Amino acid sequence: MPGKPIASDETRALRALTTFCVLDTLPDERFDRITRLACAALNVPVALVTLVDRERQWLKSRQGLSATANDYWLSLCSKSVAADGQLVVRDTHAEPEFEDHPLVVGEPHLRFYAGQSIRGPDDSHIGALCIVDERPRPFPIRDAGVLSDLTALVEREILLLEHATTDELTRLSNRRGFAQVAHHVLALCRRSTQPAVVVSVDLDNFKAVNDAHGHEAGDRVLRAFSKMLFTHFRDSDVVARVGGDEFAVLLSGTTTAHVIESFDRLGAEFATSTLARDYPRLHWSAGLADFDPLSDTTIEALLNAADARMYRTKTSKRQGSPPAQETTLHETLNRPLRRMPW
């Protein structure tokens, strides 16, 4: 029976949550440093960094709180996320929206709150930096500026996290980002008993492009091929550039037919593209590894297995002989392009 892929929204959420380190429950010094600064600079007992993605929320950093996550705190911070800027409540007892909030009528009897929304690299609202006090207080322009500056530091740290998991040239996930997202996708596949496939793709004769036309031409090839890969797989598939001219795709809940269809579409576009016209010897070699949801196989092991099959295929091509004992599916992924006359 055909498998069911992980929902595309869920995969996108995993990418975002991984980038923002929300899935990592351990304290993170880069954000803890900022909340400590907030407490000291603004003279408040509690400071929080809340990150959100769709329906998931997480107190990524907290000063003055013992709980890692609490629905009441999250519901309070979500008001700042939606405010698009700063939300300041100088006295909660004077604000009807806050006077019956559980954190106001109960411990810690919150009287002052200020928060500023955090924007992600794509300019979306992804969280808030919040400060609270047990007494009402003014919030002068100086304090507003300090909160804004500290929020900018949080956004900078998130941007650095995104850079650490994204390939700058192609904007695909890099090897680190692929491994992080794939780890969680495979966990979802295990829970839902769904298969998955990892495909390793390497451009053939790419070095000749660099040697003959220069690295700028090589960069254009990588960007164009990356766009093709991303276009011809589902939103729920994870596509990454894991090396110089090496790519990887993780397909969850997939079938043999889907893999063949995706590569057929990729091959058809490639054969009629400017890449095929300008670099007629350019093609790819691919190798795949199947994931068994009942196994404890890691994404690293799957990628290594797919790489090994891809390199065997590449070697066989150079030697002019077909790879021995390969499946029909594997041979289909590596069949010659249907070149169009020009």
C-alpha atoms as a PDB file:
ATOM      1  CA  MET A   1       0.000   0.000   0.000  1.00  0.00           C
ATOM      2  CA  PRO A   2       1.469   3.415  -0.893  1.00  0.00           C
ATOM      3  CA  GLY A   3       2.987   5.303   1.980  1.00  0.00           C
ATOM      4  CA  LYS A   4       1.808   8.676   3.174  1.00  0.00           C
ATOM      5  CA  PRO A   5       4.399  11.451   3.263  1.00  0.00           C
ATOM      6  CA  ILE A   6       4.968  13.621   6.287  1.00  0.00           C
ATOM      7  CA  ALA A   7       2.708  16.650   5.812  1.00  0.00           C
ATOM      8  CA  SER A   8       4.436  19.485   3.963  1.00  0.00           C
ATOM      9  CA  ASP A   9       3.416  21.982   6.668  1.00  0.00           C
ATOM     10  CA  GLU A  10       4.956  19.720   9.277  1.00  0.00           C
ATOM     11  CA  THR A  11       8.207  19.464   7.317  1.00  0.00           C
ATOM     12  CA  ARG A  12       8.397  23.240   6.900  1.00  0.00           C
ATOM     13  CA  ALA A  13       7.733  23.649  10.614  1.00  0.00           C
ATOM     14  CA  LEU A  14      10.527  21.195  11.372  1.00  0.00           C
ATOM     15  CA  ARG A  15      12.903  23.207   9.193  1.00  0.00           C
ATOM     16  CA  ALA A  16      12.006  26.408  11.031  1.00  0.00           C
ATOM     17  CA  LEU A  17      12.033  24.849  14.482  1.00  0.00           C
ATOM     18  CA  THR A  18      15.413  23.296  13.790  1.00  0.00           C
ATOM     19  CA  THR A  19      16.832  26.581  12.521  1.00  0.00           C
ATOM     20  CA  PHE A  20      15.633  28.383  15.636  1.00  0.00           C
ATOM     21  CA  CYS A  21      16.800  25.528  17.924  1.00  0.00           C
ATOM     22  CA  VAL A  22      13.299  25.246  19.411  1.00  0.00           C
ATOM     23  CA  LEU A  23      13.444  21.464  19.264  1.00  0.00           C
ATOM     24  CA  ASP A  24      16.577  21.464  21.430  1.00  0.00           C
ATOM     25  CA  THR A  25      15.412  21.543  25.045  1.00  0.00           C
ATOM     26  CA  LEU A  26      18.842  22.296  26.479  1.00  0.00           C
ATOM     27  CA  PRO A  27      19.659  25.843  27.674  1.00  0.00           C
ATOM     28  CA  ASP A  28      21.390  27.964  25.059  1.00  0.00           C
ATOM     29  CA  GLU A  29      23.978  30.429  26.318  1.00  0.00           C
ATOM     30  CA  ARG A  30      23.612  32.717  23.300  1.00  0.00           C
ATOM     31  CA  PHE A  31      20.013  33.522  24.349  1.00  0.00           C
ATOM     32  CA  ASP A  32      20.556  33.212  28.111  1.00  0.00           C
ATOM     33  CA  ARG A  33      23.188  35.947  27.839  1.00  0.00           C
ATOM     34  CA  ILE A  34      20.577  38.291  26.377  1.00  0.00           C
ATOM     35  CA  THR A  35      17.911  37.592  28.992  1.00  0.00           C
ATOM     36  CA  ARG A  36      20.499  38.159  31.756  1.00  0.00           C
ATOM     37  CA  LEU A  37      21.344  41.489  30.138  1.00  0.00           C
ATOM     38  CA  ALA A  38      17.643  42.357  30.000  1.00  0.00           C
ATOM     39  CA  CYS A  39      17.182  41.705  33.721  1.00  0.00           C
ATOM     40  CA  ALA A  40      20.255  43.763  34.627  1.00  0.00           C
ATOM     41  CA  ALA A  41      19.743  46.662  32.217  1.00  0.00           C
ATOM     42  CA  LEU A  42      16.017  47.067  32.850  1.00  0.00           C
ATOM     43  CA  ASN A  43      16.021  46.073  36.535  1.00  0.00           C
ATOM     44  CA  VAL A  44      13.367  43.358  36.237  1.00  0.00           C
ATOM     45  CA  PRO A  45      13.226  39.927  37.918  1.00  0.00           C
ATOM     46  CA  VAL A  46      12.053  37.959  34.863  1.00  0.00           C
ATOM     47  CA  ALA A  47      13.084  38.036  31.186  1.00  0.00           C
ATOM     48  CA  LEU A  48      12.057  35.531  28.511  1.00  0.00           C
ATOM     49  CA  VAL A  49      12.809  34.651  24.903  1.00  0.00           C
ATOM     50  CA  THR A  50       9.798  32.888  23.401  1.00  0.00           C
ATOM     51  CA  LEU A  51      10.007  31.294  19.953  1.00  0.00           C
ATOM     52  CA  VAL A  52       6.928  30.133  18.086  1.00  0.00           C
ATOM     53  CA  ASP A  53       6.184  28.321  14.853  1.00  0.00           C
ATOM     54  CA  ARG A  54       2.590  27.725  13.788  1.00  0.00           C
ATOM     55  CA  GLU A  55       1.071  25.883  16.774  1.00  0.00           C
ATOM     56  CA  ARG A  56       4.309  25.238  18.644  1.00  0.00           C
ATOM     57  CA  GLN A  57       5.821  27.541  21.237  1.00  0.00           C
ATOM     58  CA  TRP A  58       8.848  27.306  23.436  1.00  0.00           C
ATOM     59  CA  LEU A  59      10.447  29.369  26.176  1.00  0.00           C
ATOM     60  CA  LYS A  60      13.905  29.214  24.685  1.00  0.00           C
ATOM     61  CA  SER A  61      15.511  31.297  27.420  1.00  0.00           C
ATOM     62  CA  ARG A  62      14.273  32.404  30.815  1.00  0.00           C
ATOM     63  CA  GLN A  63      15.642  34.296  33.772  1.00  0.00           C
ATOM     64  CA  GLY A  64      13.700  34.214  37.030  1.00  0.00           C
ATOM     65  CA  LEU A  65      11.588  31.178  36.066  1.00  0.00           C
ATOM     66  CA  SER A  66      12.140  27.530  36.976  1.00  0.00           C
ATOM     67  CA  ALA A  67       9.797  25.928  34.416  1.00  0.00           C
ATOM     68  CA  THR A  68      11.040  25.285  30.880  1.00  0.00           C
ATOM     69  CA  ALA A  69       7.611  25.916  29.386  1.00  0.00           C
ATOM     70  CA  ASN A  70       4.299  27.054  30.817  1.00  0.00           C
ATOM     71  CA  ASP A  71       1.082  27.634  28.911  1.00  0.00           C
ATOM     72  CA  TYR A  72       0.272  30.792  30.884  1.00  0.00           C
ATOM     73  CA  TRP A  73       3.625  32.397  30.109  1.00  0.00           C
ATOM     74  CA  LEU A  74       3.374  31.352  26.484  1.00  0.00           C
ATOM     75  CA  SER A  75      -0.111  32.796  26.135  1.00  0.00           C
ATOM     76  CA  LEU A  76       1.135  36.065  27.613  1.00  0.00           C
ATOM     77  CA  CYS A  77       4.159  36.276  25.305  1.00  0.00           C
ATOM     78  CA  SER A  78       2.036  35.397  22.275  1.00  0.00           C
ATOM     79  CA  LYS A  79       0.365  38.800  22.663  1.00  0.00           C
ATOM     80  CA  SER A  80       3.711  40.461  21.954  1.00  0.00           C
ATOM     81  CA  VAL A  81       4.326  38.185  18.951  1.00  0.00           C
ATOM     82  CA  ALA A  82       1.045  39.370  17.450  1.00  0.00           C
ATOM     83  CA  ALA A  83       1.626  43.015  18.351  1.00  0.00           C
ATOM     84  CA  ASP A  84       4.236  43.648  15.623  1.00  0.00           C
ATOM     85  CA  GLY A  85       6.448  45.879  17.731  1.00  0.00           C
ATOM     86  CA  GLN A  86       6.438  46.601  21.436  1.00  0.00           C
ATOM     87  CA  LEU A  87       3.564  45.782  23.745  1.00  0.00           C
ATOM     88  CA  VAL A  88       3.781  47.580  27.110  1.00  0.00           C
ATOM     89  CA  VAL A  89       1.429  47.120  30.052  1.00  0.00           C
ATOM     90  CA  ARG A  90       2.539  49.463  32.840  1.00  0.00           C
ATOM     91  CA  ASP A  91      -0.090  48.188  35.298  1.00  0.00           C
ATOM     92  CA  THR A  92      -2.016  44.997  34.558  1.00  0.00           C
ATOM     93  CA  HIS A  93      -4.691  45.922  37.111  1.00  0.00           C
ATOM     94  CA  ALA A  94      -5.606  48.887  34.931  1.00  0.00           C
ATOM     95  CA  GLU A  95      -5.953  46.862  31.725  1.00  0.00           C
ATOM     96  CA  PRO A  96      -9.177  44.806  31.240  1.00  0.00           C
ATOM     97  CA  GLU A  97      -7.389  42.438  28.855  1.00  0.00           C
ATOM     98  CA  PHE A  98      -4.872  41.470  31.535  1.00  0.00           C
ATOM     99  CA  GLU A  99      -6.652  41.918  34.874  1.00  0.00           C
ATOM    100  CA  ASP A 100      -8.019  38.347  34.952  1.00  0.00           C
ATOM    101  CA  HIS A 101      -4.947  36.644  33.469  1.00  0.00           C
ATOM    102  CA  PRO A 102      -3.832  33.656  35.638  1.00  0.00           C
ATOM    103  CA  LEU A 103      -0.368  35.177  36.100  1.00  0.00           C
ATOM    104  CA  VAL A 104      -1.954  38.415  37.328  1.00  0.00           C
ATOM    105  CA  VAL A 105      -4.558  36.998  39.723  1.00  0.00           C
ATOM    106  CA  GLY A 106      -2.223  34.223  40.869  1.00  0.00           C
ATOM    107  CA  GLU A 107       1.510  33.707  41.293  1.00  0.00           C
ATOM    108  CA  PRO A 108       3.638  35.702  40.543  1.00  0.00           C
ATOM    109  CA  HIS A 109       0.890  38.408  40.675  1.00  0.00           C
ATOM    110  CA  LEU A 110       2.252  40.114  37.595  1.00  0.00           C
ATOM    111  CA  ARG A 111       1.823  43.896  37.534  1.00  0.00           C
ATOM    112  CA  PHE A 112       4.147  45.037  34.710  1.00  0.00           C
ATOM    113  CA  TYR A 113       4.808  43.517  31.309  1.00  0.00           C
ATOM    114  CA  ALA A 114       6.710  44.605  28.202  1.00  0.00           C
ATOM    115  CA  GLY A 115       7.530  42.579  25.132  1.00  0.00           C
ATOM    116  CA  GLN A 116       8.825  43.100  21.620  1.00  0.00           C
ATOM    117  CA  SER A 117       8.171  40.775  18.712  1.00  0.00           C
ATOM    118  CA  ILE A 118      11.144  38.951  17.184  1.00  0.00           C
ATOM    119  CA  ARG A 119      11.385  38.715  13.406  1.00  0.00           C
ATOM    120  CA  GLY A 120      13.005  35.820  11.599  1.00  0.00           C
ATOM    121  CA  PRO A 121      15.303  35.964   8.563  1.00  0.00           C
ATOM    122  CA  ASP A 122      12.217  35.897   6.298  1.00  0.00           C
ATOM    123  CA  ASP A 123      10.715  38.863   8.228  1.00  0.00           C
ATOM    124  CA  SER A 124       8.021  36.673   9.818  1.00  0.00           C
ATOM    125  CA  HIS A 125       7.042  36.995  13.476  1.00  0.00           C
ATOM    126  CA  ILE A 126       8.724  34.086  15.241  1.00  0.00           C
ATOM    127  CA  GLY A 127       8.733  35.048  18.905  1.00  0.00           C
ATOM    128  CA  ALA A 128       9.140  37.750  21.502  1.00  0.00           C
ATOM    129  CA  LEU A 129      11.596  39.094  24.058  1.00  0.00           C
ATOM    130  CA  CYS A 130       9.582  39.810  27.198  1.00  0.00           C
ATOM    131  CA  ILE A 131      10.288  41.385  30.601  1.00  0.00           C
ATOM    132  CA  VAL A 132       7.976  41.297  33.630  1.00  0.00           C
ATOM    133  CA  ASP A 133       7.843  42.727  37.155  1.00  0.00           C
ATOM    134  CA  GLU A 134       5.737  42.170  40.262  1.00  0.00           C
ATOM    135  CA  ARG A 135       5.143  45.896  40.637  1.00  0.00           C
ATOM    136  CA  PRO A 136       3.687  48.488  38.279  1.00  0.00           C
ATOM    137  CA  ARG A 137       6.268  50.794  36.747  1.00  0.00           C
ATOM    138  CA  PRO A 138       6.813  53.375  34.033  1.00  0.00           C
ATOM    139  CA  PHE A 139       8.506  52.455  30.781  1.00  0.00           C
ATOM    140  CA  PRO A 140      10.406  55.502  29.518  1.00  0.00           C
ATOM    141  CA  ILE A 141      11.830  55.946  26.033  1.00  0.00           C
ATOM    142  CA  ARG A 142      15.266  54.840  27.259  1.00  0.00           C
ATOM    143  CA  ASP A 143      13.894  51.465  28.426  1.00  0.00           C
ATOM    144  CA  ALA A 144      12.004  51.026  25.159  1.00  0.00           C
ATOM    145  CA  GLY A 145      15.265  51.580  23.298  1.00  0.00           C
ATOM    146  CA  VAL A 146      17.109  49.043  25.448  1.00  0.00           C
ATOM    147  CA  LEU A 147      14.412  46.418  24.833  1.00  0.00           C
ATOM    148  CA  SER A 148      14.579  47.137  21.092  1.00  0.00           C
ATOM    149  CA  ASP A 149      18.392  46.799  21.073  1.00  0.00           C
ATOM    150  CA  LEU A 150      18.257  43.495  22.982  1.00  0.00           C
ATOM    151  CA  THR A 151      15.616  42.165  20.583  1.00  0.00           C
ATOM    152  CA  ALA A 152      17.932  43.008  17.695  1.00  0.00           C
ATOM    153  CA  LEU A 153      20.605  40.868  19.396  1.00  0.00           C
ATOM    154  CA  VAL A 154      18.161  37.930  19.552  1.00  0.00           C
ATOM    155  CA  GLU A 155      17.366  38.371  15.860  1.00  0.00           C
ATOM    156  CA  ARG A 156      21.090  38.443  15.049  1.00  0.00           C
ATOM    157  CA  GLU A 157      21.654  35.159  16.897  1.00  0.00           C
ATOM    158  CA  ILE A 158      18.765  33.562  14.999  1.00  0.00           C
ATOM    159  CA  LEU A 159      20.197  34.822  11.708  1.00  0.00           C
ATOM    160  CA  LEU A 160      23.534  33.221  12.615  1.00  0.00           C
ATOM    161  CA  LEU A 161      21.718  29.951  13.343  1.00  0.00           C
ATOM    162  CA  GLU A 162      20.041  30.119   9.935  1.00  0.00           C
ATOM    163  CA  HIS A 163      23.385  30.734   8.242  1.00  0.00           C
ATOM    164  CA  ALA A 164      24.817  27.720  10.053  1.00  0.00           C
ATOM    165  CA  THR A 165      22.201  25.405   8.504  1.00  0.00           C
ATOM    166  CA  THR A 166      21.711  26.997   5.054  1.00  0.00           C
ATOM    167  CA  ASP A 167      23.952  26.868   1.991  1.00  0.00           C
ATOM    168  CA  GLU A 168      24.728  30.459   1.071  1.00  0.00           C
ATOM    169  CA  LEU A 169      25.022  29.867  -2.684  1.00  0.00           C
ATOM    170  CA  THR A 170      21.884  27.807  -3.345  1.00  0.00           C
ATOM    171  CA  ARG A 171      19.740  28.655  -0.269  1.00  0.00           C
ATOM    172  CA  LEU A 172      19.097  24.944   0.213  1.00  0.00           C
ATOM    173  CA  SER A 173      19.831  23.318   3.559  1.00  0.00           C
ATOM    174  CA  ASN A 174      23.504  22.492   4.012  1.00  0.00           C
ATOM    175  CA  ARG A 175      24.768  19.159   5.376  1.00  0.00           C
ATOM    176  CA  ARG A 176      24.254  20.236   8.968  1.00  0.00           C
ATOM    177  CA  GLY A 177      20.749  21.548   8.313  1.00  0.00           C
ATOM    178  CA  PHE A 178      19.838  18.418   6.330  1.00  0.00           C
ATOM    179  CA  ALA A 179      20.994  16.142   9.152  1.00  0.00           C
ATOM    180  CA  GLN A 180      19.073  18.100  11.783  1.00  0.00           C
ATOM    181  CA  VAL A 181      15.775  18.196   9.880  1.00  0.00           C
ATOM    182  CA  ALA A 182      16.150  14.610   8.614  1.00  0.00           C
ATOM    183  CA  HIS A 183      16.691  13.339  12.147  1.00  0.00           C
ATOM    184  CA  HIS A 184      13.262  14.626  13.154  1.00  0.00           C
ATOM    185  CA  VAL A 185      11.567  13.540   9.898  1.00  0.00           C
ATOM    186  CA  LEU A 186      12.822   9.974  10.437  1.00  0.00           C
ATOM    187  CA  ALA A 187      11.494  10.086  13.993  1.00  0.00           C
ATOM    188  CA  LEU A 188       8.071  11.009  12.597  1.00  0.00           C
ATOM    189  CA  CYS A 189       8.346   8.154  10.080  1.00  0.00           C
ATOM    190  CA  ARG A 190       9.089   5.716  12.906  1.00  0.00           C
ATOM    191  CA  ARG A 191       6.075   6.881  14.918  1.00  0.00           C
ATOM    192  CA  SER A 192       3.759   6.589  11.900  1.00  0.00           C
ATOM    193  CA  THR A 193       5.468   3.427  10.545  1.00  0.00           C
ATOM    194  CA  GLN A 194       6.143   5.067   7.195  1.00  0.00           C
ATOM    195  CA  PRO A 195       9.070   4.253   4.884  1.00  0.00           C
ATOM    196  CA  ALA A 196      11.492   6.835   3.549  1.00  0.00           C
ATOM    197  CA  VAL A 197      14.210   7.053   0.920  1.00  0.00           C
ATOM    198  CA  VAL A 198      17.442   9.025   0.891  1.00  0.00           C
ATOM    199  CA  VAL A 199      18.808   9.873  -2.559  1.00  0.00           C
ATOM    200  CA  SER A 200      22.379  11.091  -3.041  1.00  0.00           C
ATOM    201  CA  VAL A 201      22.964  13.067  -6.245  1.00  0.00           C
ATOM    202  CA  ASP A 202      26.332  14.146  -7.644  1.00  0.00           C
ATOM    203  CA  LEU A 203      26.871  16.216 -10.785  1.00  0.00           C
ATOM    204  CA  ASP A 204      28.974  14.413 -13.407  1.00  0.00           C
ATOM    205  CA  ASN A 205      31.699  16.402 -15.188  1.00  0.00           C
ATOM    206  CA  PHE A 206      31.103  19.468 -13.028  1.00  0.00           C
ATOM    207  CA  LYS A 207      34.839  20.003 -12.547  1.00  0.00           C
ATOM    208  CA  ALA A 208      35.193  20.405 -16.306  1.00  0.00           C
ATOM    209  CA  VAL A 209      32.730  23.318 -16.156  1.00  0.00           C
ATOM    210  CA  ASN A 210      34.840  25.072 -13.532  1.00  0.00           C
ATOM    211  CA  ASP A 211      38.075  24.348 -15.389  1.00  0.00           C
ATOM    212  CA  ALA A 212      36.835  25.502 -18.799  1.00  0.00           C
ATOM    213  CA  HIS A 213      34.464  28.333 -17.845  1.00  0.00           C
ATOM    214  CA  GLY A 214      35.510  29.468 -14.382  1.00  0.00           C
ATOM    215  CA  HIS A 215      33.978  29.261 -10.933  1.00  0.00           C
ATOM    216  CA  GLU A 216      31.351  31.893 -11.679  1.00  0.00           C
ATOM    217  CA  ALA A 217      29.913  29.605 -14.346  1.00  0.00           C
ATOM    218  CA  GLY A 218      30.132  26.710 -11.906  1.00  0.00           C
ATOM    219  CA  ASP A 219      28.152  28.708  -9.343  1.00  0.00           C
ATOM    220  CA  ARG A 220      25.449  29.401 -11.941  1.00  0.00           C
ATOM    221  CA  VAL A 221      25.224  25.674 -12.679  1.00  0.00           C
ATOM    222  CA  LEU A 222      24.860  24.842  -8.985  1.00  0.00           C
ATOM    223  CA  ARG A 223      22.153  27.446  -8.464  1.00  0.00           C
ATOM    224  CA  ALA A 224      20.207  26.327 -11.550  1.00  0.00           C
ATOM    225  CA  PHE A 225      20.439  22.637 -10.688  1.00  0.00           C
ATOM    226  CA  SER A 226      19.461  23.337  -7.070  1.00  0.00           C
ATOM    227  CA  LYS A 227      16.351  25.150  -8.259  1.00  0.00           C
ATOM    228  CA  MET A 228      15.425  22.198 -10.475  1.00  0.00           C
ATOM    229  CA  LEU A 229      15.866  19.732  -7.625  1.00  0.00           C
ATOM    230  CA  PHE A 230      13.769  21.835  -5.279  1.00  0.00           C
ATOM    231  CA  THR A 231      11.041  22.295  -7.897  1.00  0.00           C
ATOM    232  CA  HIS A 232      10.588  18.633  -8.798  1.00  0.00           C
ATOM    233  CA  PHE A 233      10.216  17.229  -5.307  1.00  0.00           C
ATOM    234  CA  ARG A 234       7.354  17.678  -2.871  1.00  0.00           C
ATOM    235  CA  ASP A 235       7.218  20.327  -0.168  1.00  0.00           C
ATOM    236  CA  SER A 236       7.422  17.473   2.312  1.00  0.00           C
ATOM    237  CA  ASP A 237      10.765  16.292   0.845  1.00  0.00           C
ATOM    238  CA  VAL A 238      13.990  17.680   2.288  1.00  0.00           C
ATOM    239  CA  VAL A 239      16.449  18.853  -0.393  1.00  0.00           C
ATOM    240  CA  ALA A 240      19.990  19.901   0.502  1.00  0.00           C
ATOM    241  CA  ARG A 241      23.391  20.707  -0.923  1.00  0.00           C
ATOM    242  CA  VAL A 242      25.703  18.573   1.200  1.00  0.00           C
ATOM    243  CA  GLY A 243      29.004  19.203  -0.615  1.00  0.00           C
ATOM    244  CA  GLY A 244      30.592  21.015  -3.550  1.00  0.00           C
ATOM    245  CA  ASP A 245      28.522  19.388  -6.305  1.00  0.00           C
ATOM    246  CA  GLU A 246      26.765  16.884  -4.054  1.00  0.00           C
ATOM    247  CA  PHE A 247      23.083  16.983  -3.161  1.00  0.00           C
ATOM    248  CA  ALA A 248      20.765  14.888  -1.018  1.00  0.00           C
ATOM    249  CA  VAL A 249      17.002  14.397  -0.913  1.00  0.00           C
ATOM    250  CA  LEU A 250      14.995  12.753   1.866  1.00  0.00           C
ATOM    251  CA  LEU A 251      11.564  11.532   0.723  1.00  0.00           C
ATOM    252  CA  SER A 252       9.178  10.421   3.470  1.00  0.00           C
ATOM    253  CA  GLY A 253       6.307   7.973   2.987  1.00  0.00           C
ATOM    254  CA  THR A 254       7.440   7.562  -0.582  1.00  0.00           C
ATOM    255  CA  THR A 255       6.817   4.968  -3.256  1.00  0.00           C
ATOM    256  CA  THR A 256       9.040   3.730  -6.083  1.00  0.00           C
ATOM    257  CA  ALA A 257       6.677   5.368  -8.571  1.00  0.00           C
ATOM    258  CA  HIS A 258       7.049   8.757  -6.913  1.00  0.00           C
ATOM    259  CA  VAL A 259      10.852   8.605  -6.987  1.00  0.00           C
ATOM    260  CA  ILE A 260      10.820   7.675 -10.683  1.00  0.00           C
ATOM    261  CA  GLU A 261       8.270  10.383 -11.513  1.00  0.00           C
ATOM    262  CA  SER A 262      10.309  13.043  -9.731  1.00  0.00           C
ATOM    263  CA  PHE A 263      13.509  12.101 -11.554  1.00  0.00           C
ATOM    264  CA  ASP A 264      11.649  11.818 -14.863  1.00  0.00           C
ATOM    265  CA  ARG A 265      10.416  15.388 -14.466  1.00  0.00           C
ATOM    266  CA  LEU A 266      13.874  16.517 -13.407  1.00  0.00           C
ATOM    267  CA  GLY A 267      15.453  14.800 -16.417  1.00  0.00           C
ATOM    268  CA  ALA A 268      12.910  16.252 -18.845  1.00  0.00           C
ATOM    269  CA  GLU A 269      13.539  19.803 -17.650  1.00  0.00           C
ATOM    270  CA  PHE A 270      17.297  19.295 -17.527  1.00  0.00           C
ATOM    271  CA  ALA A 271      17.387  17.940 -21.095  1.00  0.00           C
ATOM    272  CA  THR A 272      15.736  21.100 -22.462  1.00  0.00           C
ATOM    273  CA  SER A 273      17.524  23.564 -20.180  1.00  0.00           C
ATOM    274  CA  THR A 274      20.326  25.981 -20.914  1.00  0.00           C
ATOM    275  CA  LEU A 275      22.522  23.775 -18.719  1.00  0.00           C
ATOM    276  CA  ALA A 276      22.189  20.904 -21.193  1.00  0.00           C
ATOM    277  CA  ARG A 277      22.738  23.272 -24.132  1.00  0.00           C
ATOM    278  CA  ASP A 278      25.773  25.033 -22.676  1.00  0.00           C
ATOM    279  CA  TYR A 279      27.358  21.994 -20.998  1.00  0.00           C
ATOM    280  CA  PRO A 280      26.356  18.893 -23.020  1.00  0.00           C
ATOM    281  CA  ARG A 281      28.518  16.523 -20.942  1.00  0.00           C
ATOM    282  CA  LEU A 282      26.880  17.588 -17.679  1.00  0.00           C
ATOM    283  CA  HIS A 283      24.630  14.985 -16.043  1.00  0.00           C
ATOM    284  CA  TRP A 284      24.295  13.390 -12.634  1.00  0.00           C
ATOM    285  CA  SER A 285      24.829  10.129 -10.830  1.00  0.00           C
ATOM    286  CA  ALA A 286      22.399   9.082  -8.123  1.00  0.00           C
ATOM    287  CA  GLY A 287      22.308   6.487  -5.385  1.00  0.00           C
ATOM    288  CA  LEU A 288      19.545   5.665  -2.954  1.00  0.00           C
ATOM    289  CA  ALA A 289      19.080   4.020   0.419  1.00  0.00           C
ATOM    290  CA  ASP A 290      15.781   2.779   1.854  1.00  0.00           C
ATOM    291  CA  PHE A 291      14.752   3.583   5.413  1.00  0.00           C
ATOM    292  CA  ASP A 292      12.976   0.890   7.429  1.00  0.00           C
ATOM    293  CA  PRO A 293      10.771   2.569  10.088  1.00  0.00           C
ATOM    294  CA  LEU A 294      11.211  -0.480  12.333  1.00  0.00           C
ATOM    295  CA  SER A 295      14.997  -0.066  12.358  1.00  0.00           C
ATOM    296  CA  ASP A 296      17.259   2.249  14.326  1.00  0.00           C
ATOM    297  CA  THR A 297      19.142   3.399  11.212  1.00  0.00           C
ATOM    298  CA  THR A 298      20.436   6.968  11.430  1.00  0.00           C
ATOM    299  CA  ILE A 299      20.327   9.612   8.719  1.00  0.00           C
ATOM    300  CA  GLU A 300      24.127   9.533   8.633  1.00  0.00           C
ATOM    301  CA  ALA A 301      24.107   5.794   7.863  1.00  0.00           C
ATOM    302  CA  LEU A 302      21.469   6.255   5.164  1.00  0.00           C
ATOM    303  CA  LEU A 303      23.385   9.085   3.539  1.00  0.00           C
ATOM    304  CA  ASN A 304      26.603   7.043   3.600  1.00  0.00           C
ATOM    305  CA  ALA A 305      24.827   4.087   1.980  1.00  0.00           C
ATOM    306  CA  ALA A 306      23.289   6.300  -0.716  1.00  0.00           C
ATOM    307  CA  ASP A 307      26.679   7.927  -1.315  1.00  0.00           C
ATOM    308  CA  ALA A 308      28.349   4.532  -1.734  1.00  0.00           C
ATOM    309  CA  ARG A 309      25.826   3.468  -4.387  1.00  0.00           C
ATOM    310  CA  MET A 310      26.131   6.810  -6.144  1.00  0.00           C
ATOM    311  CA  TYR A 311      29.921   6.547  -6.330  1.00  0.00           C
ATOM    312  CA  ARG A 312      29.729   2.963  -7.625  1.00  0.00           C
ATOM    313  CA  THR A 313      27.481   4.223 -10.388  1.00  0.00           C
ATOM    314  CA  LYS A 314      29.809   7.131 -11.172  1.00  0.00           C
ATOM    315  CA  THR A 315      32.804   4.751 -11.353  1.00  0.00           C
ATOM    316  CA  SER A 316      30.926   2.364 -13.656  1.00  0.00           C
ATOM    317  CA  LYS A 317      30.061   5.229 -15.997  1.00  0.00           C
ATOM    318  CA  ARG A 318      33.716   6.210 -16.249  1.00  0.00           C
ATOM    319  CA  GLN A 319      34.647   2.624 -17.000  1.00  0.00           C
ATOM    320  CA  GLY A 320      31.872   2.298 -19.568  1.00  0.00           C
ATOM    321  CA  SER A 321      30.197  -0.634 -17.837  1.00  0.00           C
ATOM    322  CA  PRO A 322      26.814  -0.798 -16.071  1.00  0.00           C
ATOM    323  CA  PRO A 323      26.893  -1.149 -12.255  1.00  0.00           C
ATOM    324  CA  ALA A 324      26.414  -4.743 -11.200  1.00  0.00           C
ATOM    325  CA  GLN A 325      23.339  -5.974  -9.323  1.00  0.00           C
ATOM    326  CA  GLU A 326      21.457  -2.692  -9.229  1.00  0.00           C
ATOM    327  CA  THR A 327      17.678  -2.383  -9.024  1.00  0.00           C
ATOM    328  CA  THR A 328      15.543  -1.144 -11.884  1.00  0.00           C
ATOM    329  CA  LEU A 329      14.738   1.936  -9.824  1.00  0.00           C
ATOM    330  CA  HIS A 330      18.414   2.749  -9.349  1.00  0.00           C
ATOM    331  CA  GLU A 331      19.111   2.295 -13.049  1.00  0.00           C
ATOM    332  CA  THR A 332      16.148   4.538 -13.888  1.00  0.00           C
ATOM    333  CA  LEU A 333      17.563   7.376 -11.803  1.00  0.00           C
ATOM    334  CA  ASN A 334      20.822   7.210 -13.747  1.00  0.00           C
ATOM    335  CA  ARG A 335      19.619   6.609 -17.292  1.00  0.00           C
ATOM    336  CA  PRO A 336      20.921   8.990 -19.984  1.00  0.00           C
ATOM    337  CA  LEU A 337      19.063  12.237 -20.540  1.00  0.00           C
ATOM    338  CA  ARG A 338      16.703  12.511 -23.460  1.00  0.00           C
ATOM    339  CA  ARG A 339      18.555  15.318 -25.227  1.00  0.00           C
ATOM    340  CA  MET A 340      16.523  17.633 -27.409  1.00  0.00           C
ATOM    341  CA  PRO A 341      17.855  18.811 -30.792  1.00  0.00           C
ATOM    342  CA  TRP A 342      18.895  22.427 -30.965  1.00  0.00           C
END
